Amino acid sequence: MSATDDPSNPYYTYYKPSIPAALAVAILFCVVTLVQIWRIIRTRQWFGIVILVAAAFEVVGLLARADSSKHLQKKSPYEIQTILILLAPILFAASVYMFLGRLIRKSGHPELSFIRINWVTPIFVTGDIFCFFVQAVGVVILLRAESRSKLNLAKAIILAGLGLQVFFFAIFALVAVLFHIRLSSRRGGSVVHQGVNVNIRLWNLYLCSLLITVRNIYRLVEYATGTDAYLSRHEWPAYVLDIGLMFIIMVISNFWYFRKTRDVYAPPAFNYKNSRPLMRPCHVYWRPLDVL
């Protein structure tokens, strides 16, 4: 990355995008995507297709970013990378929502969910889709803005979309934590699915949720402070606080898939004193045979 005040750089203004950084991260995404495809096919967990689409957004956006470094005055590469890199995390969030629903079912105790299990995924994914379209409208207006008023309108719409996403994630985190608490405090049998530990998977989910929240806060601050602020004048925050965090989620999500096999229920510990015999003594059932 190199700072520049060259008037021939109308879109990035303060820096020239780093081609090596964009290409290196794009290659990393491609490698992890291949692993993801193998995991999806092997386990037949098709919700992972959403993660593949999100990864495709990141890769195409990064390639467009590298191309725009060579063609600073071309608008289309800048627009492509702006739209795709901004919207990709919404798809990662949708995959997190869907994974929670599957994890609750795998636990064997869907009745412990604060929201009915059949509604968990639809509610949050619908909210995520709404955030997607709000931010998409905002970024399109931003890229087409020719006046200060339209520019401010676009930023307000994008900020509203990011704020809604943070709000939905807060509710999602509450639902996940309440389920986790109820599951941990429940006594009796436990559910094991090919060695899947529900507690570990939930903490995995919390980490991904935290990374997405950090990214959303970064984008909120970036758009709220404007193009002259530090976050907009430097390239590294976009990689460290956005693209890099999504790559970490991409890696973690490879551990979300389980094989489709029957759950095994572990019975409670056997208590001899309180147990009842499986069979009564033989004399209870024996009676002399009547002779006609």
C-alpha atoms as a PDB file:
ATOM      1  CA  MET A   1       0.000   0.000   0.000  1.00  0.00           C
ATOM      2  CA  SER A   2       1.357   3.424  -0.868  1.00  0.00           C
ATOM      3  CA  ALA A   3      -0.166   6.753   0.025  1.00  0.00           C
ATOM      4  CA  THR A   4      -0.961   9.061  -2.826  1.00  0.00           C
ATOM      5  CA  ASP A   5      -2.609  12.431  -3.428  1.00  0.00           C
ATOM      6  CA  ASP A   6      -2.557  11.887  -7.184  1.00  0.00           C
ATOM      7  CA  PRO A   7      -5.657  13.452  -8.796  1.00  0.00           C
ATOM      8  CA  SER A   8      -5.696  10.476 -11.164  1.00  0.00           C
ATOM      9  CA  ASN A   9      -6.874   8.383  -8.189  1.00  0.00           C
ATOM     10  CA  PRO A  10     -10.444   9.692  -7.770  1.00  0.00           C
ATOM     11  CA  TYR A  11     -11.941   6.722  -5.894  1.00  0.00           C
ATOM     12  CA  TYR A  12      -9.397   5.604  -3.301  1.00  0.00           C
ATOM     13  CA  THR A  13      -7.975   9.149  -3.003  1.00  0.00           C
ATOM     14  CA  TYR A  14      -5.502   8.554  -0.179  1.00  0.00           C
ATOM     15  CA  TYR A  15      -3.893   5.247  -1.135  1.00  0.00           C
ATOM     16  CA  LYS A  16      -3.307   2.872  -4.002  1.00  0.00           C
ATOM     17  CA  PRO A  17      -4.693  -0.646  -3.314  1.00  0.00           C
ATOM     18  CA  SER A  18      -2.029  -3.271  -2.759  1.00  0.00           C
ATOM     19  CA  ILE A  19      -2.049  -5.876  -5.533  1.00  0.00           C
ATOM     20  CA  PRO A  20       0.036  -8.478  -3.598  1.00  0.00           C
ATOM     21  CA  ALA A  21      -2.257  -8.215  -0.561  1.00  0.00           C
ATOM     22  CA  ALA A  22      -5.433  -8.581  -2.626  1.00  0.00           C
ATOM     23  CA  LEU A  23      -4.105 -11.544  -4.617  1.00  0.00           C
ATOM     24  CA  ALA A  24      -2.635 -13.312  -1.573  1.00  0.00           C
ATOM     25  CA  VAL A  25      -5.878 -13.113   0.399  1.00  0.00           C
ATOM     26  CA  ALA A  26      -7.909 -14.151  -2.672  1.00  0.00           C
ATOM     27  CA  ILE A  27      -5.725 -17.266  -3.036  1.00  0.00           C
ATOM     28  CA  LEU A  28      -6.206 -18.101   0.650  1.00  0.00           C
ATOM     29  CA  PHE A  29      -9.966 -17.830   0.233  1.00  0.00           C
ATOM     30  CA  CYS A  30      -9.811 -20.127  -2.808  1.00  0.00           C
ATOM     31  CA  VAL A  31      -7.840 -22.783  -0.913  1.00  0.00           C
ATOM     32  CA  VAL A  32     -10.247 -22.790   2.041  1.00  0.00           C
ATOM     33  CA  THR A  33     -13.199 -22.782  -0.373  1.00  0.00           C
ATOM     34  CA  LEU A  34     -11.957 -26.024  -1.943  1.00  0.00           C
ATOM     35  CA  VAL A  35     -11.817 -27.612   1.514  1.00  0.00           C
ATOM     36  CA  GLN A  36     -15.311 -26.270   2.195  1.00  0.00           C
ATOM     37  CA  ILE A  37     -16.666 -27.827  -1.015  1.00  0.00           C
ATOM     38  CA  TRP A  38     -15.157 -31.190  -0.067  1.00  0.00           C
ATOM     39  CA  ARG A  39     -16.751 -30.987   3.399  1.00  0.00           C
ATOM     40  CA  ILE A  40     -20.168 -30.055   1.991  1.00  0.00           C
ATOM     41  CA  ILE A  41     -20.180 -32.906  -0.534  1.00  0.00           C
ATOM     42  CA  ARG A  42     -18.899 -35.420   2.024  1.00  0.00           C
ATOM     43  CA  THR A  43     -21.495 -34.556   4.688  1.00  0.00           C
ATOM     44  CA  ARG A  44     -24.317 -33.409   2.354  1.00  0.00           C
ATOM     45  CA  GLN A  45     -24.936 -30.345   4.519  1.00  0.00           C
ATOM     46  CA  TRP A  46     -26.150 -28.046   1.758  1.00  0.00           C
ATOM     47  CA  PHE A  47     -26.569 -24.953   3.923  1.00  0.00           C
ATOM     48  CA  GLY A  48     -22.828 -24.519   3.390  1.00  0.00           C
ATOM     49  CA  ILE A  49     -23.571 -23.281  -0.141  1.00  0.00           C
ATOM     50  CA  VAL A  50     -24.303 -19.890   1.434  1.00  0.00           C
ATOM     51  CA  ILE A  51     -20.725 -19.848   2.743  1.00  0.00           C
ATOM     52  CA  LEU A  52     -19.429 -20.651  -0.746  1.00  0.00           C
ATOM     53  CA  VAL A  53     -21.383 -17.713  -2.199  1.00  0.00           C
ATOM     54  CA  ALA A  54     -19.947 -15.430   0.499  1.00  0.00           C
ATOM     55  CA  ALA A  55     -16.437 -16.662  -0.316  1.00  0.00           C
ATOM     56  CA  ALA A  56     -17.074 -16.032  -4.025  1.00  0.00           C
ATOM     57  CA  PHE A  57     -18.085 -12.452  -3.158  1.00  0.00           C
ATOM     58  CA  GLU A  58     -14.801 -11.980  -1.293  1.00  0.00           C
ATOM     59  CA  VAL A  59     -12.645 -13.509  -4.040  1.00  0.00           C
ATOM     60  CA  VAL A  60     -14.246 -11.558  -6.898  1.00  0.00           C
ATOM     61  CA  GLY A  61     -14.154  -8.397  -4.792  1.00  0.00           C
ATOM     62  CA  LEU A  62     -10.450  -8.853  -4.055  1.00  0.00           C
ATOM     63  CA  LEU A  63      -9.638  -9.539  -7.710  1.00  0.00           C
ATOM     64  CA  ALA A  64     -11.545  -6.398  -8.684  1.00  0.00           C
ATOM     65  CA  ARG A  65      -9.605  -4.503  -6.027  1.00  0.00           C
ATOM     66  CA  ALA A  66      -6.313  -5.720  -7.494  1.00  0.00           C
ATOM     67  CA  ASP A  67      -7.490  -4.740 -10.979  1.00  0.00           C
ATOM     68  CA  SER A  68      -8.542  -1.292  -9.811  1.00  0.00           C
ATOM     69  CA  SER A  69      -5.007  -0.692  -8.548  1.00  0.00           C
ATOM     70  CA  LYS A  70      -3.840  -0.825 -12.180  1.00  0.00           C
ATOM     71  CA  HIS A  71      -6.804   1.188 -13.452  1.00  0.00           C
ATOM     72  CA  LEU A  72      -7.377   3.827 -10.802  1.00  0.00           C
ATOM     73  CA  GLN A  73      -9.654   5.900 -13.017  1.00  0.00           C
ATOM     74  CA  LYS A  74     -11.941   3.019 -13.991  1.00  0.00           C
ATOM     75  CA  LYS A  75     -15.124   3.029 -11.972  1.00  0.00           C
ATOM     76  CA  SER A  76     -16.386  -0.519 -12.527  1.00  0.00           C
ATOM     77  CA  PRO A  77     -13.604  -2.405 -10.629  1.00  0.00           C
ATOM     78  CA  TYR A  78     -14.001   0.006  -7.715  1.00  0.00           C
ATOM     79  CA  GLU A  79     -17.776  -0.499  -7.677  1.00  0.00           C
ATOM     80  CA  ILE A  80     -17.490  -4.302  -7.846  1.00  0.00           C
ATOM     81  CA  GLN A  81     -15.049  -4.534  -4.955  1.00  0.00           C
ATOM     82  CA  THR A  82     -17.037  -2.035  -2.869  1.00  0.00           C
ATOM     83  CA  ILE A  83     -20.348  -3.876  -3.287  1.00  0.00           C
ATOM     84  CA  LEU A  84     -19.092  -7.457  -2.905  1.00  0.00           C
ATOM     85  CA  ILE A  85     -16.735  -6.910   0.035  1.00  0.00           C
ATOM     86  CA  LEU A  86     -19.400  -4.895   1.870  1.00  0.00           C
ATOM     87  CA  LEU A  87     -22.168  -7.481   1.368  1.00  0.00           C
ATOM     88  CA  ALA A  88     -20.217 -10.751   1.816  1.00  0.00           C
ATOM     89  CA  PRO A  89     -20.330 -10.676   5.658  1.00  0.00           C
ATOM     90  CA  ILE A  90     -24.144 -10.639   5.533  1.00  0.00           C
ATOM     91  CA  LEU A  91     -24.012 -14.062   3.872  1.00  0.00           C
ATOM     92  CA  PHE A  92     -21.567 -15.314   6.498  1.00  0.00           C
ATOM     93  CA  ALA A  93     -24.041 -14.104   9.135  1.00  0.00           C
ATOM     94  CA  ALA A  94     -26.845 -16.045   7.413  1.00  0.00           C
ATOM     95  CA  SER A  95     -24.755 -19.224   7.606  1.00  0.00           C
ATOM     96  CA  VAL A  96     -24.216 -18.643  11.336  1.00  0.00           C
ATOM     97  CA  TYR A  97     -27.989 -18.353  11.829  1.00  0.00           C
ATOM     98  CA  MET A  98     -28.618 -21.574   9.923  1.00  0.00           C
ATOM     99  CA  PHE A  99     -25.918 -23.436  11.832  1.00  0.00           C
ATOM    100  CA  LEU A 100     -27.516 -22.554  15.188  1.00  0.00           C
ATOM    101  CA  GLY A 101     -30.821 -24.098  14.076  1.00  0.00           C
ATOM    102  CA  ARG A 102     -29.077 -27.306  13.039  1.00  0.00           C
ATOM    103  CA  LEU A 103     -27.057 -27.404  16.240  1.00  0.00           C
ATOM    104  CA  ILE A 104     -30.167 -27.046  18.410  1.00  0.00           C
ATOM    105  CA  ARG A 105     -31.736 -29.978  16.573  1.00  0.00           C
ATOM    106  CA  LYS A 106     -28.564 -32.053  16.965  1.00  0.00           C
ATOM    107  CA  SER A 107     -28.588 -31.461  20.722  1.00  0.00           C
ATOM    108  CA  GLY A 108     -31.767 -33.533  20.996  1.00  0.00           C
ATOM    109  CA  HIS A 109     -33.445 -30.829  23.085  1.00  0.00           C
ATOM    110  CA  PRO A 110     -35.076 -28.352  20.672  1.00  0.00           C
ATOM    111  CA  GLU A 111     -37.677 -27.576  23.348  1.00  0.00           C
ATOM    112  CA  LEU A 112     -34.980 -25.644  25.251  1.00  0.00           C
ATOM    113  CA  SER A 113     -34.771 -22.983  22.541  1.00  0.00           C
ATOM    114  CA  PHE A 114     -36.149 -19.571  23.552  1.00  0.00           C
ATOM    115  CA  ILE A 115     -37.737 -19.348  20.080  1.00  0.00           C
ATOM    116  CA  ARG A 116     -39.510 -22.342  18.555  1.00  0.00           C
ATOM    117  CA  ILE A 117     -36.921 -24.277  16.571  1.00  0.00           C
ATOM    118  CA  ASN A 118     -38.924 -24.107  13.322  1.00  0.00           C
ATOM    119  CA  TRP A 119     -38.759 -20.307  13.507  1.00  0.00           C
ATOM    120  CA  VAL A 120     -35.128 -19.751  14.549  1.00  0.00           C
ATOM    121  CA  THR A 121     -33.564 -19.926  11.091  1.00  0.00           C
ATOM    122  CA  PRO A 122     -36.435 -18.228   9.149  1.00  0.00           C
ATOM    123  CA  ILE A 123     -36.613 -15.245  11.538  1.00  0.00           C
ATOM    124  CA  PHE A 124     -32.914 -14.427  11.542  1.00  0.00           C
ATOM    125  CA  VAL A 125     -32.276 -15.239   7.875  1.00  0.00           C
ATOM    126  CA  THR A 126     -35.231 -13.028   6.878  1.00  0.00           C
ATOM    127  CA  GLY A 127     -33.783 -10.207   8.960  1.00  0.00           C
ATOM    128  CA  ASP A 128     -30.391 -10.821   7.367  1.00  0.00           C
ATOM    129  CA  ILE A 129     -31.877 -10.660   3.861  1.00  0.00           C
ATOM    130  CA  PHE A 130     -33.558  -7.369   4.764  1.00  0.00           C
ATOM    131  CA  CYS A 131     -30.202  -5.983   5.970  1.00  0.00           C
ATOM    132  CA  PHE A 132     -28.633  -7.216   2.729  1.00  0.00           C
ATOM    133  CA  PHE A 133     -31.068  -5.274   0.554  1.00  0.00           C
ATOM    134  CA  VAL A 134     -30.891  -2.145   2.732  1.00  0.00           C
ATOM    135  CA  GLN A 135     -27.098  -2.036   2.476  1.00  0.00           C
ATOM    136  CA  ALA A 136     -27.209  -2.913  -1.230  1.00  0.00           C
ATOM    137  CA  VAL A 137     -29.534   0.038  -1.900  1.00  0.00           C
ATOM    138  CA  GLY A 138     -27.280   2.281   0.168  1.00  0.00           C
ATOM    139  CA  VAL A 139     -24.085   1.308  -1.622  1.00  0.00           C
ATOM    140  CA  VAL A 140     -25.703   1.688  -5.071  1.00  0.00           C
ATOM    141  CA  ILE A 141     -26.841   5.214  -4.168  1.00  0.00           C
ATOM    142  CA  LEU A 142     -23.363   5.912  -2.776  1.00  0.00           C
ATOM    143  CA  LEU A 143     -21.645   4.861  -5.992  1.00  0.00           C
ATOM    144  CA  ARG A 144     -24.066   6.914  -8.112  1.00  0.00           C
ATOM    145  CA  ALA A 145     -24.162   9.965  -5.834  1.00  0.00           C
ATOM    146  CA  GLU A 146     -23.466  13.240  -7.626  1.00  0.00           C
ATOM    147  CA  SER A 147     -24.397  15.613  -4.819  1.00  0.00           C
ATOM    148  CA  ARG A 148     -23.648  15.980  -1.132  1.00  0.00           C
ATOM    149  CA  SER A 149     -27.292  15.299  -0.205  1.00  0.00           C
ATOM    150  CA  LYS A 150     -27.353  11.948  -2.044  1.00  0.00           C
ATOM    151  CA  LEU A 151     -24.002  11.041  -0.526  1.00  0.00           C
ATOM    152  CA  ASN A 152     -25.344  11.702   2.963  1.00  0.00           C
ATOM    153  CA  LEU A 153     -28.514   9.737   2.153  1.00  0.00           C
ATOM    154  CA  ALA A 154     -26.459   6.756   0.984  1.00  0.00           C
ATOM    155  CA  LYS A 155     -24.333   6.793   4.135  1.00  0.00           C
ATOM    156  CA  ALA A 156     -27.454   7.016   6.303  1.00  0.00           C
ATOM    157  CA  ILE A 157     -28.990   3.991   4.555  1.00  0.00           C
ATOM    158  CA  ILE A 158     -25.789   1.948   4.881  1.00  0.00           C
ATOM    159  CA  LEU A 159     -25.485   2.897   8.554  1.00  0.00           C
ATOM    160  CA  ALA A 160     -29.113   1.870   9.098  1.00  0.00           C
ATOM    161  CA  GLY A 161     -28.443  -1.509   7.461  1.00  0.00           C
ATOM    162  CA  LEU A 162     -25.338  -2.069   9.582  1.00  0.00           C
ATOM    163  CA  GLY A 163     -27.201  -1.006  12.719  1.00  0.00           C
ATOM    164  CA  LEU A 164     -30.023  -3.441  11.964  1.00  0.00           C
ATOM    165  CA  GLN A 165     -27.491  -6.201  11.448  1.00  0.00           C
ATOM    166  CA  VAL A 166     -25.938  -5.504  14.859  1.00  0.00           C
ATOM    167  CA  PHE A 167     -29.445  -5.497  16.399  1.00  0.00           C
ATOM    168  CA  PHE A 168     -30.368  -8.863  14.873  1.00  0.00           C
ATOM    169  CA  PHE A 169     -27.044 -10.293  15.981  1.00  0.00           C
ATOM    170  CA  ALA A 170     -27.665  -9.148  19.550  1.00  0.00           C
ATOM    171  CA  ILE A 171     -31.026 -10.969  19.613  1.00  0.00           C
ATOM    172  CA  PHE A 172     -29.407 -14.012  18.000  1.00  0.00           C
ATOM    173  CA  ALA A 173     -26.678 -14.061  20.659  1.00  0.00           C
ATOM    174  CA  LEU A 174     -29.339 -13.864  23.383  1.00  0.00           C
ATOM    175  CA  VAL A 175     -31.215 -16.844  21.906  1.00  0.00           C
ATOM    176  CA  ALA A 176     -27.993 -18.876  21.618  1.00  0.00           C
ATOM    177  CA  VAL A 177     -26.832 -18.062  25.166  1.00  0.00           C
ATOM    178  CA  LEU A 178     -30.234 -18.846  26.726  1.00  0.00           C
ATOM    179  CA  PHE A 179     -30.309 -22.185  24.920  1.00  0.00           C
ATOM    180  CA  HIS A 180     -26.754 -22.913  26.059  1.00  0.00           C
ATOM    181  CA  ILE A 181     -27.600 -22.123  29.696  1.00  0.00           C
ATOM    182  CA  ARG A 182     -30.719 -24.283  29.634  1.00  0.00           C
ATOM    183  CA  LEU A 183     -28.874 -27.145  27.968  1.00  0.00           C
ATOM    184  CA  SER A 184     -25.988 -26.979  30.454  1.00  0.00           C
ATOM    185  CA  SER A 185     -28.316 -26.958  33.466  1.00  0.00           C
ATOM    186  CA  ARG A 186     -30.480 -29.818  32.205  1.00  0.00           C
ATOM    187  CA  ARG A 187     -29.954 -33.140  33.983  1.00  0.00           C
ATOM    188  CA  GLY A 188     -30.415 -36.561  32.478  1.00  0.00           C
ATOM    189  CA  GLY A 189     -29.294 -38.032  29.161  1.00  0.00           C
ATOM    190  CA  SER A 190     -26.938 -36.314  26.755  1.00  0.00           C
ATOM    191  CA  VAL A 191     -26.829 -36.422  22.964  1.00  0.00           C
ATOM    192  CA  VAL A 192     -23.756 -37.570  21.069  1.00  0.00           C
ATOM    193  CA  HIS A 193     -23.639 -37.363  17.287  1.00  0.00           C
ATOM    194  CA  GLN A 194     -20.464 -38.868  15.851  1.00  0.00           C
ATOM    195  CA  GLY A 195     -18.491 -37.323  18.714  1.00  0.00           C
ATOM    196  CA  VAL A 196     -20.022 -33.854  18.221  1.00  0.00           C
ATOM    197  CA  ASN A 197     -19.780 -31.796  21.406  1.00  0.00           C
ATOM    198  CA  VAL A 198     -22.638 -29.285  21.426  1.00  0.00           C
ATOM    199  CA  ASN A 199     -20.917 -27.023  23.973  1.00  0.00           C
ATOM    200  CA  ILE A 200     -17.775 -26.722  21.866  1.00  0.00           C
ATOM    201  CA  ARG A 201     -19.829 -25.989  18.737  1.00  0.00           C
ATOM    202  CA  LEU A 202     -21.745 -23.260  20.574  1.00  0.00           C
ATOM    203  CA  TRP A 203     -18.501 -21.582  21.652  1.00  0.00           C
ATOM    204  CA  ASN A 204     -17.385 -21.893  18.031  1.00  0.00           C
ATOM    205  CA  LEU A 205     -20.579 -20.060  17.080  1.00  0.00           C
ATOM    206  CA  TYR A 206     -19.953 -17.334  19.666  1.00  0.00           C
ATOM    207  CA  LEU A 207     -16.495 -16.691  18.215  1.00  0.00           C
ATOM    208  CA  CYS A 208     -17.888 -16.307  14.693  1.00  0.00           C
ATOM    209  CA  SER A 209     -20.614 -14.002  15.996  1.00  0.00           C
ATOM    210  CA  LEU A 210     -18.015 -11.873  17.775  1.00  0.00           C
ATOM    211  CA  LEU A 211     -15.913 -11.552  14.613  1.00  0.00           C
ATOM    212  CA  ILE A 212     -18.925 -10.465  12.556  1.00  0.00           C
ATOM    213  CA  THR A 213     -19.911  -7.953  15.249  1.00  0.00           C
ATOM    214  CA  VAL A 214     -16.396  -6.458  15.300  1.00  0.00           C
ATOM    215  CA  ARG A 215     -16.538  -6.140  11.525  1.00  0.00           C
ATOM    216  CA  ASN A 216     -19.953  -4.439  11.658  1.00  0.00           C
ATOM    217  CA  ILE A 217     -18.753  -1.968  14.290  1.00  0.00           C
ATOM    218  CA  TYR A 218     -15.708  -1.184  12.139  1.00  0.00           C
ATOM    219  CA  ARG A 219     -17.922  -0.447   9.136  1.00  0.00           C
ATOM    220  CA  LEU A 220     -20.279   1.636  11.276  1.00  0.00           C
ATOM    221  CA  VAL A 221     -17.383   3.776  12.487  1.00  0.00           C
ATOM    222  CA  GLU A 222     -15.890   4.004   8.984  1.00  0.00           C
ATOM    223  CA  TYR A 223     -19.079   5.308   7.369  1.00  0.00           C
ATOM    224  CA  ALA A 224     -19.982   7.495  10.348  1.00  0.00           C
ATOM    225  CA  THR A 225     -16.603   9.283  10.426  1.00  0.00           C
ATOM    226  CA  GLY A 226     -16.455   9.955   6.681  1.00  0.00           C
ATOM    227  CA  THR A 227     -13.829   9.699   3.961  1.00  0.00           C
ATOM    228  CA  ASP A 228     -11.329  12.021   5.659  1.00  0.00           C
ATOM    229  CA  ALA A 229     -11.030   9.905   8.813  1.00  0.00           C
ATOM    230  CA  TYR A 230      -8.186   7.490   9.561  1.00  0.00           C
ATOM    231  CA  LEU A 231     -10.109   4.320   8.645  1.00  0.00           C
ATOM    232  CA  SER A 232     -10.865   5.618   5.156  1.00  0.00           C
ATOM    233  CA  ARG A 233      -7.376   7.020   4.567  1.00  0.00           C
ATOM    234  CA  HIS A 234      -5.599   3.689   5.122  1.00  0.00           C
ATOM    235  CA  GLU A 235      -5.988   0.258   3.570  1.00  0.00           C
ATOM    236  CA  TRP A 236      -4.893  -2.029   6.407  1.00  0.00           C
ATOM    237  CA  PRO A 237      -8.118  -1.694   8.497  1.00  0.00           C
ATOM    238  CA  ALA A 238     -10.136  -3.191   5.626  1.00  0.00           C
ATOM    239  CA  TYR A 239      -7.981  -6.331   5.738  1.00  0.00           C
ATOM    240  CA  VAL A 240      -7.568  -6.618   9.512  1.00  0.00           C
ATOM    241  CA  LEU A 241     -11.087  -5.620  10.617  1.00  0.00           C
ATOM    242  CA  ASP A 242     -13.176  -6.901   7.704  1.00  0.00           C
ATOM    243  CA  ILE A 243     -11.712  -9.231   5.080  1.00  0.00           C
ATOM    244  CA  GLY A 244      -9.338 -10.986   7.493  1.00  0.00           C
ATOM    245  CA  LEU A 245     -12.099 -11.641  10.023  1.00  0.00           C
ATOM    246  CA  MET A 246     -14.290 -13.158   7.317  1.00  0.00           C
ATOM    247  CA  PHE A 247     -11.404 -15.426   6.328  1.00  0.00           C
ATOM    248  CA  ILE A 248     -11.147 -16.662   9.930  1.00  0.00           C
ATOM    249  CA  ILE A 249     -14.888 -17.442   9.895  1.00  0.00           C
ATOM    250  CA  MET A 250     -14.378 -19.275   6.607  1.00  0.00           C
ATOM    251  CA  VAL A 251     -11.746 -21.480   8.265  1.00  0.00           C
ATOM    252  CA  ILE A 252     -13.810 -22.085  11.414  1.00  0.00           C
ATOM    253  CA  SER A 253     -16.925 -22.981   9.421  1.00  0.00           C
ATOM    254  CA  ASN A 254     -15.168 -26.072   8.070  1.00  0.00           C
ATOM    255  CA  PHE A 255     -15.883 -27.649  11.474  1.00  0.00           C
ATOM    256  CA  TRP A 256     -19.637 -27.021  11.280  1.00  0.00           C
ATOM    257  CA  TYR A 257     -20.499 -30.125   9.285  1.00  0.00           C
ATOM    258  CA  PHE A 258     -21.595 -33.440  10.763  1.00  0.00           C
ATOM    259  CA  ARG A 259     -22.413 -36.673   9.021  1.00  0.00           C
ATOM    260  CA  LYS A 260     -26.113 -37.488   8.649  1.00  0.00           C
ATOM    261  CA  THR A 261     -26.335 -40.420  11.004  1.00  0.00           C
ATOM    262  CA  ARG A 262     -28.709 -41.313  13.786  1.00  0.00           C
ATOM    263  CA  ASP A 263     -28.174 -39.608  17.137  1.00  0.00           C
ATOM    264  CA  VAL A 264     -27.109 -41.807  20.018  1.00  0.00           C
ATOM    265  CA  TYR A 265     -28.687 -41.064  23.363  1.00  0.00           C
ATOM    266  CA  ALA A 266     -26.600 -41.751  26.445  1.00  0.00           C
ATOM    267  CA  PRO A 267     -28.850 -43.030  29.265  1.00  0.00           C
ATOM    268  CA  PRO A 268     -28.543 -41.644  32.803  1.00  0.00           C
ATOM    269  CA  ALA A 269     -26.328 -43.462  35.284  1.00  0.00           C
ATOM    270  CA  PHE A 270     -27.893 -46.689  36.624  1.00  0.00           C
ATOM    271  CA  ASN A 271     -28.949 -46.530  40.274  1.00  0.00           C
ATOM    272  CA  TYR A 272     -29.326 -50.047  41.733  1.00  0.00           C
ATOM    273  CA  LYS A 273     -31.150 -49.017  44.909  1.00  0.00           C
ATOM    274  CA  ASN A 274     -33.897 -47.142  43.095  1.00  0.00           C
ATOM    275  CA  SER A 275     -34.167 -49.610  40.226  1.00  0.00           C
ATOM    276  CA  ARG A 276     -36.977 -52.050  39.650  1.00  0.00           C
ATOM    277  CA  PRO A 277     -36.326 -55.637  38.473  1.00  0.00           C
ATOM    278  CA  LEU A 278     -36.800 -56.229  34.793  1.00  0.00           C
ATOM    279  CA  MET A 279     -38.593 -59.567  35.480  1.00  0.00           C
ATOM    280  CA  ARG A 280     -40.656 -60.786  38.368  1.00  0.00           C
ATOM    281  CA  PRO A 281     -39.782 -64.079  40.077  1.00  0.00           C
ATOM    282  CA  CYS A 282     -40.929 -67.147  38.207  1.00  0.00           C
ATOM    283  CA  HIS A 283     -43.452 -68.235  40.883  1.00  0.00           C
ATOM    284  CA  VAL A 284     -45.503 -65.095  40.276  1.00  0.00           C
ATOM    285  CA  TYR A 285     -46.337 -66.259  36.776  1.00  0.00           C
ATOM    286  CA  TRP A 286     -46.589 -70.070  37.467  1.00  0.00           C
ATOM    287  CA  ARG A 287     -49.944 -71.638  38.206  1.00  0.00           C
ATOM    288  CA  PRO A 288     -50.855 -75.373  38.361  1.00  0.00           C
ATOM    289  CA  LEU A 289     -52.342 -76.644  35.159  1.00  0.00           C
ATOM    290  CA  ASP A 290     -56.046 -77.412  35.546  1.00  0.00           C
ATOM    291  CA  VAL A 291     -56.885 -81.039  34.822  1.00  0.00           C
ATOM    292  CA  LEU A 292     -60.201 -81.673  33.172  1.00  0.00           C
END
